[in-house]
Amino acid sequence: MSVKIAVVSVLCLALPALAAAQDRATVLVLDGSGSMWAALPERRSRIEVARDVLGDFLAARDPSQPLGVIAYGHNRRGDCSDIETVAPVAVQDGPALGARLRALMPRGKTPLADALRHAAAQIPPQAEEADIVLITDGLETCGGDPCAVAAELAAGGVPLRAHVVGFGLTEGEVRQIACVAEQTGGLVLATQSGAE
């Protein structure tokens, strides 16, 4: 499955109820760690593919439906606290948000556990359901435990599914990160190139 199809598939599966109700929250979590500059087989970097896919998604989605985006690792090297709310959960201007995401420059670490907590904190208190879509090319590098955080999220008051889209992960890495989706009833999608 291509990166583009995988990400759009997860996003489409995560967002269908938004058309019927505003009581569902969705937060995208984008990897801005330095490894996102790694080249895929077609000689494009992972971040370039991610930007294109998200840009297409934001341009095509219903702009009246609320969406939040956070990113990590894109401001400072070696800083595990480098997690930023790029857009709070709200109605978004797709092209403007796509332009903001294109400006992110990967350079830092991969604090998956804290990024998941940060994403969960963006979910409005009135939400009756929530989805987090984690787009990553690697595993935790900041000592956190994403599996434990996923278990905490699953036990929380709001029904929450966390989906994982992995870029260039080995089978072993996919197995390690799959717990995030498995604990929350989400999906795991992995791809090795943007042109498979």
N, C-alpha and C. Protein backbone atom coordinates (compact mmCIF):
# COMPACT_ATOMS: atom_id res chain seq x y z
N MET A 1 0.84 -1.18 0.00
CA MET A 1 0.00 0.00 0.00
C MET A 1 0.89 1.23 0.00
N SER A 2 0.56 2.22 -0.84
CA SER A 2 1.38 3.42 -0.91
C SER A 2 1.18 4.28 0.32
N VAL A 3 2.15 5.16 0.58
CA VAL A 3 2.04 6.09 1.70
C VAL A 3 0.76 6.91 1.55
N LYS A 4 0.54 7.43 0.35
CA LYS A 4 -0.61 8.29 0.12
C LYS A 4 -1.91 7.56 0.39
N ILE A 5 -2.06 6.36 -0.16
CA ILE A 5 -3.28 5.59 0.05
C ILE A 5 -3.42 5.22 1.52
N ALA A 6 -2.32 4.84 2.17
CA ALA A 6 -2.39 4.44 3.58
C ALA A 6 -2.86 5.58 4.45
N VAL A 7 -2.25 6.76 4.30
CA VAL A 7 -2.62 7.89 5.15
C VAL A 7 -4.04 8.33 4.87
N VAL A 8 -4.41 8.47 3.60
CA VAL A 8 -5.76 8.90 3.27
C VAL A 8 -6.78 7.87 3.74
N SER A 9 -6.45 6.58 3.65
CA SER A 9 -7.37 5.54 4.13
C SER A 9 -7.61 5.68 5.62
N VAL A 10 -6.55 5.86 6.40
CA VAL A 10 -6.72 6.03 7.84
C VAL A 10 -7.52 7.27 8.14
N LEU A 11 -7.20 8.37 7.45
CA LEU A 11 -7.93 9.60 7.71
C LEU A 11 -9.40 9.46 7.36
N CYS A 12 -9.70 8.81 6.25
CA CYS A 12 -11.10 8.62 5.86
C CYS A 12 -11.83 7.71 6.85
N LEU A 13 -11.16 6.68 7.34
CA LEU A 13 -11.79 5.80 8.32
C LEU A 13 -11.98 6.51 9.65
N ALA A 14 -11.07 7.42 9.97
CA ALA A 14 -11.13 8.09 11.26
C ALA A 14 -12.16 9.20 11.30
N LEU A 15 -12.51 9.75 10.15
CA LEU A 15 -13.31 10.97 10.13
C LEU A 15 -14.76 10.83 9.70
N PRO A 16 -15.32 9.65 9.39
CA PRO A 16 -16.64 9.61 8.78
C PRO A 16 -17.75 10.18 9.63
N ALA A 17 -17.68 10.04 10.92
CA ALA A 17 -18.78 10.52 11.76
C ALA A 17 -18.83 12.03 11.86
N LEU A 18 -17.77 12.71 11.43
CA LEU A 18 -17.76 14.16 11.55
C LEU A 18 -18.87 14.81 10.72
N ALA A 19 -19.21 14.20 9.60
CA ALA A 19 -20.25 14.78 8.77
C ALA A 19 -21.60 14.76 9.48
N ALA A 20 -21.80 13.82 10.38
CA ALA A 20 -23.08 13.68 11.05
C ALA A 20 -23.11 14.41 12.39
N ALA A 21 -21.98 14.66 13.01
CA ALA A 21 -21.99 15.26 14.34
C ALA A 21 -20.68 15.99 14.61
N GLN A 22 -20.79 17.01 15.45
CA GLN A 22 -19.61 17.79 15.83
C GLN A 22 -19.04 17.31 17.16
N ASP A 23 -19.50 16.15 17.65
CA ASP A 23 -19.07 15.67 18.97
C ASP A 23 -17.91 14.69 18.86
N ARG A 24 -17.26 14.67 17.71
CA ARG A 24 -16.12 13.79 17.49
C ARG A 24 -14.90 14.67 17.23
N ALA A 25 -13.79 14.35 17.86
CA ALA A 25 -12.56 15.13 17.67
C ALA A 25 -11.51 14.27 16.98
N THR A 26 -10.75 14.89 16.10
CA THR A 26 -9.66 14.19 15.43
C THR A 26 -8.41 15.06 15.51
N VAL A 27 -7.30 14.42 15.89
CA VAL A 27 -6.02 15.13 16.00
C VAL A 27 -4.98 14.35 15.21
N LEU A 28 -4.34 15.02 14.26
CA LEU A 28 -3.22 14.43 13.52
C LEU A 28 -1.94 14.74 14.29
N VAL A 29 -1.04 13.76 14.36
CA VAL A 29 0.27 13.94 15.00
C VAL A 29 1.32 13.68 13.93
N LEU A 30 2.07 14.71 13.57
CA LEU A 30 3.05 14.62 12.49
C LEU A 30 4.47 14.56 13.03
N ASP A 31 5.21 13.58 12.57
CA ASP A 31 6.62 13.39 12.93
C ASP A 31 7.46 14.46 12.24
N GLY A 32 8.14 15.27 13.05
CA GLY A 32 9.08 16.25 12.52
C GLY A 32 10.49 15.96 12.97
N SER A 33 10.77 14.69 13.30
CA SER A 33 12.11 14.31 13.75
C SER A 33 13.08 14.32 12.58
N GLY A 34 14.37 14.41 12.89
CA GLY A 34 15.39 14.50 11.86
C GLY A 34 15.39 13.36 10.87
N SER A 35 14.96 12.17 11.30
CA SER A 35 14.98 11.02 10.40
C SER A 35 13.95 11.14 9.27
N MET A 36 13.04 12.09 9.36
CA MET A 36 12.06 12.27 8.28
C MET A 36 12.72 12.79 7.00
N TRP A 37 13.99 13.18 7.08
CA TRP A 37 14.71 13.57 5.86
C TRP A 37 15.24 12.36 5.10
N ALA A 38 15.13 11.16 5.68
CA ALA A 38 15.63 9.96 5.00
C ALA A 38 14.90 9.78 3.67
N ALA A 39 15.65 9.34 2.67
CA ALA A 39 15.08 9.17 1.34
C ALA A 39 14.32 7.85 1.23
N LEU A 40 13.20 7.91 0.55
CA LEU A 40 12.45 6.71 0.18
C LEU A 40 13.03 6.19 -1.13
N PRO A 41 12.65 4.99 -1.56
CA PRO A 41 13.25 4.43 -2.79
C PRO A 41 13.13 5.33 -4.02
N GLU A 42 12.08 6.15 -4.10
CA GLU A 42 11.95 7.03 -5.27
C GLU A 42 12.73 8.33 -5.12
N ARG A 43 13.62 8.38 -4.11
CA ARG A 43 14.53 9.50 -3.89
C ARG A 43 13.85 10.77 -3.41
N ARG A 44 12.69 10.62 -2.84
CA ARG A 44 12.03 11.74 -2.15
C ARG A 44 12.10 11.44 -0.67
N SER A 45 12.20 12.46 0.14
CA SER A 45 12.28 12.24 1.58
C SER A 45 10.90 11.90 2.14
N ARG A 46 10.93 11.29 3.32
CA ARG A 46 9.68 10.94 3.99
C ARG A 46 8.86 12.18 4.29
N ILE A 47 9.51 13.27 4.67
CA ILE A 47 8.75 14.48 5.00
C ILE A 47 8.12 15.07 3.76
N GLU A 48 8.78 14.98 2.61
CA GLU A 48 8.18 15.50 1.39
C GLU A 48 6.91 14.73 1.03
N VAL A 49 6.97 13.40 1.17
CA VAL A 49 5.80 12.58 0.88
C VAL A 49 4.69 12.89 1.87
N ALA A 50 5.03 13.00 3.16
CA ALA A 50 4.02 13.30 4.18
C ALA A 50 3.37 14.65 3.91
N ARG A 51 4.17 15.65 3.56
CA ARG A 51 3.61 16.98 3.26
C ARG A 51 2.63 16.91 2.09
N ASP A 52 3.01 16.18 1.04
CA ASP A 52 2.14 16.08 -0.14
C ASP A 52 0.83 15.38 0.20
N VAL A 53 0.93 14.28 0.93
CA VAL A 53 -0.27 13.52 1.29
C VAL A 53 -1.20 14.37 2.16
N LEU A 54 -0.63 15.01 3.17
CA LEU A 54 -1.47 15.83 4.05
C LEU A 54 -2.03 17.04 3.32
N GLY A 55 -1.24 17.61 2.42
CA GLY A 55 -1.74 18.74 1.63
C GLY A 55 -2.93 18.33 0.79
N ASP A 56 -2.85 17.16 0.13
CA ASP A 56 -3.97 16.65 -0.67
C ASP A 56 -5.18 16.39 0.21
N PHE A 57 -4.95 15.77 1.37
CA PHE A 57 -6.04 15.48 2.29
C PHE A 57 -6.73 16.76 2.75
N LEU A 58 -5.95 17.74 3.16
CA LEU A 58 -6.53 18.99 3.67
C LEU A 58 -7.29 19.74 2.59
N ALA A 59 -6.83 19.65 1.35
CA ALA A 59 -7.52 20.32 0.25
C ALA A 59 -8.83 19.62 -0.11
N ALA A 60 -8.89 18.30 0.11
CA ALA A 60 -10.06 17.53 -0.32
C ALA A 60 -11.12 17.37 0.77
N ARG A 61 -10.75 17.50 2.04
CA ARG A 61 -11.69 17.22 3.12
C ARG A 61 -12.72 18.34 3.27
N ASP A 62 -13.81 18.04 3.96
CA ASP A 62 -14.84 19.01 4.24
C ASP A 62 -14.27 20.04 5.22
N PRO A 63 -14.11 21.29 4.81
CA PRO A 63 -13.46 22.29 5.66
C PRO A 63 -14.29 22.69 6.87
N SER A 64 -15.56 22.30 6.91
CA SER A 64 -16.40 22.68 8.04
C SER A 64 -16.24 21.74 9.23
N GLN A 65 -15.51 20.65 9.05
CA GLN A 65 -15.36 19.67 10.12
C GLN A 65 -14.09 19.95 10.92
N PRO A 66 -14.19 19.95 12.25
CA PRO A 66 -13.03 20.30 13.09
C PRO A 66 -11.91 19.28 13.04
N LEU A 67 -10.70 19.80 13.12
CA LEU A 67 -9.49 18.98 13.04
C LEU A 67 -8.38 19.69 13.81
N GLY A 68 -7.54 18.95 14.50
CA GLY A 68 -6.37 19.51 15.16
C GLY A 68 -5.11 18.86 14.63
N VAL A 69 -4.00 19.56 14.70
CA VAL A 69 -2.72 19.02 14.24
C VAL A 69 -1.64 19.39 15.25
N ILE A 70 -0.85 18.40 15.66
CA ILE A 70 0.35 18.69 16.44
C ILE A 70 1.54 18.09 15.69
N ALA A 71 2.71 18.61 15.98
CA ALA A 71 3.94 18.09 15.39
C ALA A 71 5.00 18.03 16.48
N TYR A 72 5.97 17.16 16.27
CA TYR A 72 7.07 17.06 17.23
C TYR A 72 8.40 16.99 16.50
N GLY A 73 9.46 17.46 17.18
CA GLY A 73 10.81 17.34 16.67
C GLY A 73 11.20 18.33 15.60
N HIS A 74 10.39 19.33 15.32
CA HIS A 74 10.64 20.22 14.18
C HIS A 74 11.24 21.57 14.56
N ASN A 75 11.39 21.85 15.84
CA ASN A 75 11.92 23.16 16.25
C ASN A 75 13.35 23.11 16.76
N ARG A 76 13.67 22.07 17.55
CA ARG A 76 14.98 22.03 18.21
C ARG A 76 15.58 20.63 18.16
N ARG A 77 16.86 20.55 17.91
CA ARG A 77 17.57 19.27 17.95
C ARG A 77 17.72 18.79 19.38
N GLY A 78 17.55 17.49 19.59
CA GLY A 78 17.83 16.88 20.88
C GLY A 78 16.91 17.28 22.01
N ASP A 79 15.77 17.89 21.71
CA ASP A 79 14.86 18.37 22.75
C ASP A 79 13.59 17.53 22.76
N CYS A 80 13.45 16.71 23.79
CA CYS A 80 12.30 15.81 23.87
C CYS A 80 11.01 16.56 24.20
N SER A 81 11.09 17.83 24.60
CA SER A 81 9.88 18.59 24.87
C SER A 81 9.40 19.36 23.65
N ASP A 82 10.03 19.14 22.51
CA ASP A 82 9.68 19.86 21.28
C ASP A 82 8.41 19.25 20.66
N ILE A 83 7.28 19.61 21.24
CA ILE A 83 5.97 19.18 20.77
C ILE A 83 5.12 20.44 20.68
N GLU A 84 4.51 20.68 19.53
CA GLU A 84 3.78 21.93 19.31
C GLU A 84 2.39 21.67 18.75
N THR A 85 1.42 22.43 19.25
CA THR A 85 0.10 22.43 18.65
C THR A 85 0.17 23.35 17.44
N VAL A 86 0.17 22.76 16.26
CA VAL A 86 0.22 23.54 15.02
C VAL A 86 -1.15 24.16 14.76
N ALA A 87 -2.22 23.40 15.06
CA ALA A 87 -3.59 23.89 14.89
C ALA A 87 -4.46 23.22 15.94
N PRO A 88 -5.13 24.00 16.80
CA PRO A 88 -6.02 23.39 17.78
C PRO A 88 -7.22 22.77 17.09
N VAL A 89 -7.90 21.87 17.78
CA VAL A 89 -9.09 21.24 17.19
C VAL A 89 -10.13 22.32 16.93
N ALA A 90 -10.39 22.55 15.64
CA ALA A 90 -11.32 23.59 15.21
C ALA A 90 -11.56 23.41 13.72
N VAL A 91 -12.43 24.23 13.17
CA VAL A 91 -12.61 24.28 11.72
C VAL A 91 -11.34 24.88 11.14
N GLN A 92 -10.78 24.25 10.10
CA GLN A 92 -9.50 24.68 9.55
C GLN A 92 -9.64 25.14 8.10
N ASP A 93 -8.81 26.10 7.73
CA ASP A 93 -8.64 26.48 6.33
C ASP A 93 -7.61 25.51 5.76
N GLY A 94 -8.05 24.56 4.94
CA GLY A 94 -7.18 23.49 4.44
C GLY A 94 -5.91 23.97 3.78
N PRO A 95 -6.00 24.86 2.78
CA PRO A 95 -4.77 25.33 2.13
C PRO A 95 -3.82 26.06 3.08
N ALA A 96 -4.37 26.85 3.99
CA ALA A 96 -3.51 27.57 4.93
C ALA A 96 -2.81 26.61 5.88
N LEU A 97 -3.55 25.61 6.37
CA LEU A 97 -2.94 24.62 7.26
C LEU A 97 -1.91 23.79 6.51
N GLY A 98 -2.21 23.42 5.26
CA GLY A 98 -1.25 22.68 4.44
C GLY A 98 0.04 23.46 4.27
N ALA A 99 -0.07 24.78 4.07
CA ALA A 99 1.12 25.62 3.92
C ALA A 99 1.93 25.65 5.21
N ARG A 100 1.25 25.68 6.36
CA ARG A 100 1.97 25.65 7.64
C ARG A 100 2.72 24.33 7.81
N LEU A 101 2.10 23.23 7.41
CA LEU A 101 2.76 21.92 7.54
C LEU A 101 3.94 21.81 6.59
N ARG A 102 3.84 22.40 5.41
CA ARG A 102 4.95 22.37 4.46
C ARG A 102 6.16 23.15 4.98
N ALA A 103 5.93 24.08 5.88
CA ALA A 103 7.03 24.89 6.42
C ALA A 103 7.77 24.19 7.55
N LEU A 104 7.25 23.08 8.07
CA LEU A 104 7.93 22.37 9.16
C LEU A 104 9.24 21.77 8.66
N MET A 105 10.29 21.94 9.43
CA MET A 105 11.61 21.44 9.04
C MET A 105 12.08 20.42 10.07
N PRO A 106 12.03 19.14 9.74
CA PRO A 106 12.43 18.09 10.69
C PRO A 106 13.86 18.27 11.17
N ARG A 107 14.06 18.07 12.50
CA ARG A 107 15.42 18.20 13.02
C ARG A 107 15.63 17.53 14.37
N GLY A 108 14.59 17.06 15.05
CA GLY A 108 14.78 16.65 16.43
C GLY A 108 14.53 15.19 16.74
N LYS A 109 14.03 14.97 17.94
CA LYS A 109 13.83 13.64 18.51
C LYS A 109 12.41 13.13 18.23
N THR A 110 12.11 11.94 18.79
CA THR A 110 10.80 11.30 18.58
C THR A 110 10.16 10.98 19.93
N PRO A 111 9.49 11.96 20.54
CA PRO A 111 8.83 11.75 21.83
C PRO A 111 7.40 11.23 21.65
N LEU A 112 7.26 9.99 21.19
CA LEU A 112 5.93 9.47 20.86
C LEU A 112 4.98 9.49 22.04
N ALA A 113 5.43 9.02 23.20
CA ALA A 113 4.53 8.94 24.36
C ALA A 113 3.99 10.32 24.72
N ASP A 114 4.87 11.31 24.83
CA ASP A 114 4.43 12.65 25.18
C ASP A 114 3.60 13.28 24.07
N ALA A 115 3.90 12.97 22.81
CA ALA A 115 3.11 13.49 21.70
C ALA A 115 1.68 12.93 21.75
N LEU A 116 1.55 11.65 22.10
CA LEU A 116 0.20 11.08 22.24
C LEU A 116 -0.56 11.75 23.38
N ARG A 117 0.11 11.99 24.49
CA ARG A 117 -0.54 12.70 25.61
C ARG A 117 -0.95 14.11 25.19
N HIS A 118 -0.06 14.78 24.48
CA HIS A 118 -0.34 16.14 24.00
C HIS A 118 -1.56 16.13 23.07
N ALA A 119 -1.61 15.14 22.17
CA ALA A 119 -2.75 15.03 21.25
C ALA A 119 -4.04 14.80 22.02
N ALA A 120 -4.01 13.91 23.00
CA ALA A 120 -5.21 13.62 23.80
C ALA A 120 -5.68 14.87 24.54
N ALA A 121 -4.74 15.70 24.97
CA ALA A 121 -5.10 16.93 25.69
C ALA A 121 -5.80 17.94 24.78
N GLN A 122 -5.65 17.79 23.47
CA GLN A 122 -6.30 18.70 22.52
C GLN A 122 -7.77 18.37 22.30
N ILE A 123 -8.18 17.19 22.74
CA ILE A 123 -9.56 16.76 22.51
C ILE A 123 -10.50 17.58 23.39
N PRO A 124 -11.48 18.24 22.79
CA PRO A 124 -12.40 19.08 23.58
C PRO A 124 -13.18 18.24 24.59
N PRO A 125 -13.47 18.82 25.75
CA PRO A 125 -14.17 18.07 26.80
C PRO A 125 -15.56 17.59 26.39
N GLN A 126 -16.18 18.26 25.42
CA GLN A 126 -17.52 17.85 25.00
C GLN A 126 -17.50 16.72 23.97
N ALA A 127 -16.32 16.33 23.49
CA ALA A 127 -16.24 15.26 22.50
C ALA A 127 -16.72 13.94 23.09
N GLU A 128 -17.52 13.23 22.33
CA GLU A 128 -18.01 11.93 22.78
C GLU A 128 -17.16 10.79 22.23
N GLU A 129 -16.40 11.08 21.16
CA GLU A 129 -15.46 10.11 20.57
C GLU A 129 -14.27 10.89 20.04
N ALA A 130 -13.14 10.20 19.88
CA ALA A 130 -11.96 10.87 19.37
C ALA A 130 -11.07 9.90 18.61
N ASP A 131 -10.33 10.46 17.66
CA ASP A 131 -9.33 9.72 16.90
C ASP A 131 -8.04 10.51 16.92
N ILE A 132 -6.93 9.80 17.11
CA ILE A 132 -5.60 10.37 16.95
C ILE A 132 -4.94 9.59 15.83
N VAL A 133 -4.39 10.30 14.86
CA VAL A 133 -3.70 9.66 13.74
C VAL A 133 -2.22 10.04 13.85
N LEU A 134 -1.40 9.06 14.24
CA LEU A 134 0.03 9.27 14.44
C LEU A 134 0.78 8.88 13.17
N ILE A 135 1.48 9.85 12.59
CA ILE A 135 2.26 9.63 11.38
C ILE A 135 3.73 9.70 11.79
N THR A 136 4.43 8.55 11.74
CA THR A 136 5.80 8.50 12.26
C THR A 136 6.70 7.62 11.41
N ASP A 137 7.99 7.92 11.45
CA ASP A 137 8.94 7.05 10.74
C ASP A 137 9.86 6.34 11.72
N GLY A 138 9.54 6.40 13.01
CA GLY A 138 10.43 5.75 13.97
C GLY A 138 9.76 5.49 15.30
N LEU A 139 10.54 4.91 16.19
CA LEU A 139 10.08 4.57 17.52
C LEU A 139 10.48 5.66 18.51
N GLU A 140 9.97 5.54 19.71
CA GLU A 140 10.26 6.47 20.80
C GLU A 140 11.78 6.62 21.01
N THR A 141 12.25 7.87 21.09
CA THR A 141 13.68 8.12 21.37
C THR A 141 13.87 8.97 22.62
N CYS A 142 12.82 9.15 23.40
CA CYS A 142 12.90 10.04 24.56
C CYS A 142 12.60 9.32 25.88
N GLY A 143 12.62 7.99 25.88
CA GLY A 143 12.45 7.24 27.11
C GLY A 143 11.02 7.03 27.54
N GLY A 144 10.05 7.51 26.77
CA GLY A 144 8.65 7.30 27.11
C GLY A 144 8.18 5.92 26.70
N ASP A 145 6.96 5.57 27.11
CA ASP A 145 6.37 4.28 26.79
C ASP A 145 5.05 4.50 26.07
N PRO A 146 5.06 4.56 24.72
CA PRO A 146 3.82 4.80 23.98
C PRO A 146 2.75 3.75 24.24
N CYS A 147 3.16 2.50 24.49
CA CYS A 147 2.18 1.44 24.77
C CYS A 147 1.43 1.73 26.06
N ALA A 148 2.15 2.17 27.08
CA ALA A 148 1.51 2.50 28.35
C ALA A 148 0.59 3.71 28.20
N VAL A 149 1.01 4.69 27.43
CA VAL A 149 0.16 5.86 27.20
C VAL A 149 -1.10 5.45 26.46
N ALA A 150 -0.96 4.57 25.46
CA ALA A 150 -2.14 4.09 24.73
C ALA A 150 -3.11 3.39 25.67
N ALA A 151 -2.59 2.60 26.61
CA ALA A 151 -3.45 1.93 27.58
C ALA A 151 -4.17 2.96 28.45
N GLU A 152 -3.47 4.02 28.85
CA GLU A 152 -4.10 5.10 29.63
C GLU A 152 -5.21 5.75 28.83
N LEU A 153 -4.94 6.03 27.55
CA LEU A 153 -5.95 6.68 26.71
C LEU A 153 -7.17 5.79 26.53
N ALA A 154 -6.93 4.48 26.36
CA ALA A 154 -8.03 3.54 26.18
C ALA A 154 -8.91 3.47 27.42
N ALA A 155 -8.30 3.69 28.59
CA ALA A 155 -9.04 3.60 29.85
C ALA A 155 -9.68 4.94 30.23
N GLY A 156 -9.42 5.98 29.46
CA GLY A 156 -9.96 7.29 29.78
C GLY A 156 -11.45 7.37 29.55
N GLY A 157 -12.02 8.54 29.84
CA GLY A 157 -13.46 8.70 29.77
C GLY A 157 -14.02 8.79 28.36
N VAL A 158 -13.24 9.26 27.40
CA VAL A 158 -13.72 9.43 26.03
C VAL A 158 -13.29 8.24 25.19
N PRO A 159 -14.20 7.57 24.48
CA PRO A 159 -13.77 6.51 23.57
C PRO A 159 -12.79 7.07 22.54
N LEU A 160 -11.58 6.56 22.52
CA LEU A 160 -10.52 7.11 21.69
C LEU A 160 -9.81 5.99 20.93
N ARG A 161 -9.64 6.20 19.63
CA ARG A 161 -8.87 5.28 18.81
C ARG A 161 -7.62 6.01 18.35
N ALA A 162 -6.48 5.33 18.48
CA ALA A 162 -5.23 5.88 17.98
C ALA A 162 -4.78 5.01 16.80
N HIS A 163 -4.57 5.65 15.67
CA HIS A 163 -4.15 4.97 14.45
C HIS A 163 -2.68 5.31 14.20
N VAL A 164 -1.94 4.37 13.64
CA VAL A 164 -0.51 4.58 13.38
C VAL A 164 -0.24 4.38 11.90
N VAL A 165 0.39 5.38 11.28
CA VAL A 165 0.87 5.26 9.90
C VAL A 165 2.39 5.34 9.98
N GLY A 166 3.06 4.24 9.63
CA GLY A 166 4.51 4.16 9.74
C GLY A 166 5.19 4.28 8.39
N PHE A 167 6.23 5.12 8.33
CA PHE A 167 7.05 5.28 7.13
C PHE A 167 8.34 4.49 7.30
N GLY A 168 8.62 3.57 6.41
CA GLY A 168 9.93 2.92 6.39
C GLY A 168 10.28 2.15 7.64
N LEU A 169 9.31 1.68 8.39
CA LEU A 169 9.59 0.91 9.59
C LEU A 169 9.87 -0.55 9.24
N THR A 170 10.75 -1.18 9.99
CA THR A 170 10.98 -2.61 9.82
C THR A 170 9.78 -3.37 10.41
N GLU A 171 9.69 -4.66 10.09
CA GLU A 171 8.59 -5.46 10.65
C GLU A 171 8.65 -5.45 12.17
N GLY A 172 9.85 -5.53 12.74
CA GLY A 172 10.00 -5.49 14.18
C GLY A 172 9.54 -4.17 14.77
N GLU A 173 9.86 -3.06 14.09
CA GLU A 173 9.43 -1.75 14.57
C GLU A 173 7.91 -1.61 14.49
N VAL A 174 7.33 -2.14 13.43
CA VAL A 174 5.87 -2.11 13.30
C VAL A 174 5.24 -2.87 14.46
N ARG A 175 5.81 -4.03 14.79
CA ARG A 175 5.26 -4.81 15.91
C ARG A 175 5.36 -4.02 17.22
N GLN A 176 6.46 -3.29 17.40
CA GLN A 176 6.62 -2.52 18.64
C GLN A 176 5.63 -1.36 18.75
N ILE A 177 5.35 -0.70 17.65
CA ILE A 177 4.46 0.47 17.69
C ILE A 177 2.99 0.07 17.54
N ALA A 178 2.73 -1.15 17.09
CA ALA A 178 1.35 -1.60 16.87
C ALA A 178 0.53 -1.57 18.14
N CYS A 179 1.18 -1.66 19.30
CA CYS A 179 0.45 -1.66 20.57
C CYS A 179 -0.40 -0.41 20.73
N VAL A 180 0.05 0.71 20.15
CA VAL A 180 -0.70 1.96 20.28
C VAL A 180 -2.08 1.80 19.66
N ALA A 181 -2.13 1.22 18.48
CA ALA A 181 -3.42 1.00 17.82
C ALA A 181 -4.19 -0.15 18.47
N GLU A 182 -3.49 -1.22 18.78
CA GLU A 182 -4.16 -2.40 19.34
C GLU A 182 -4.86 -2.08 20.66
N GLN A 183 -4.22 -1.29 21.52
CA GLN A 183 -4.80 -0.97 22.83
C GLN A 183 -6.03 -0.09 22.71
N THR A 184 -6.15 0.64 21.60
CA THR A 184 -7.23 1.61 21.45
C THR A 184 -8.24 1.25 20.36
N GLY A 185 -8.03 0.12 19.70
CA GLY A 185 -8.95 -0.27 18.62
C GLY A 185 -8.70 0.46 17.32
N GLY A 186 -7.49 1.00 17.15
CA GLY A 186 -7.16 1.72 15.93
C GLY A 186 -6.55 0.83 14.87
N LEU A 187 -6.04 1.45 13.82
CA LEU A 187 -5.43 0.76 12.70
C LEU A 187 -3.94 1.02 12.65
N VAL A 188 -3.19 0.05 12.11
CA VAL A 188 -1.76 0.21 11.87
C VAL A 188 -1.54 0.02 10.37
N LEU A 189 -0.92 1.00 9.75
CA LEU A 189 -0.58 0.92 8.33
C LEU A 189 0.90 1.25 8.19
N ALA A 190 1.62 0.46 7.41
CA ALA A 190 3.05 0.69 7.22
C ALA A 190 3.39 0.60 5.75
N THR A 191 4.33 1.42 5.32
CA THR A 191 4.76 1.40 3.94
C THR A 191 6.25 1.68 3.86
N GLN A 192 6.86 1.19 2.82
CA GLN A 192 8.31 1.36 2.63
C GLN A 192 8.64 2.41 1.58
N SER A 193 7.65 2.86 0.83
CA SER A 193 7.92 3.88 -0.18
C SER A 193 6.66 4.64 -0.50
N GLY A 194 6.82 5.78 -1.14
CA GLY A 194 5.68 6.57 -1.55
C GLY A 194 5.14 6.15 -2.89
N ALA A 195 5.76 5.20 -3.55
CA ALA A 195 5.33 4.82 -4.90
C ALA A 195 5.12 3.32 -5.03
N GLU A 196 4.84 2.61 -3.94
CA GLU A 196 4.65 1.15 -4.01
C GLU A 196 3.48 0.80 -4.92
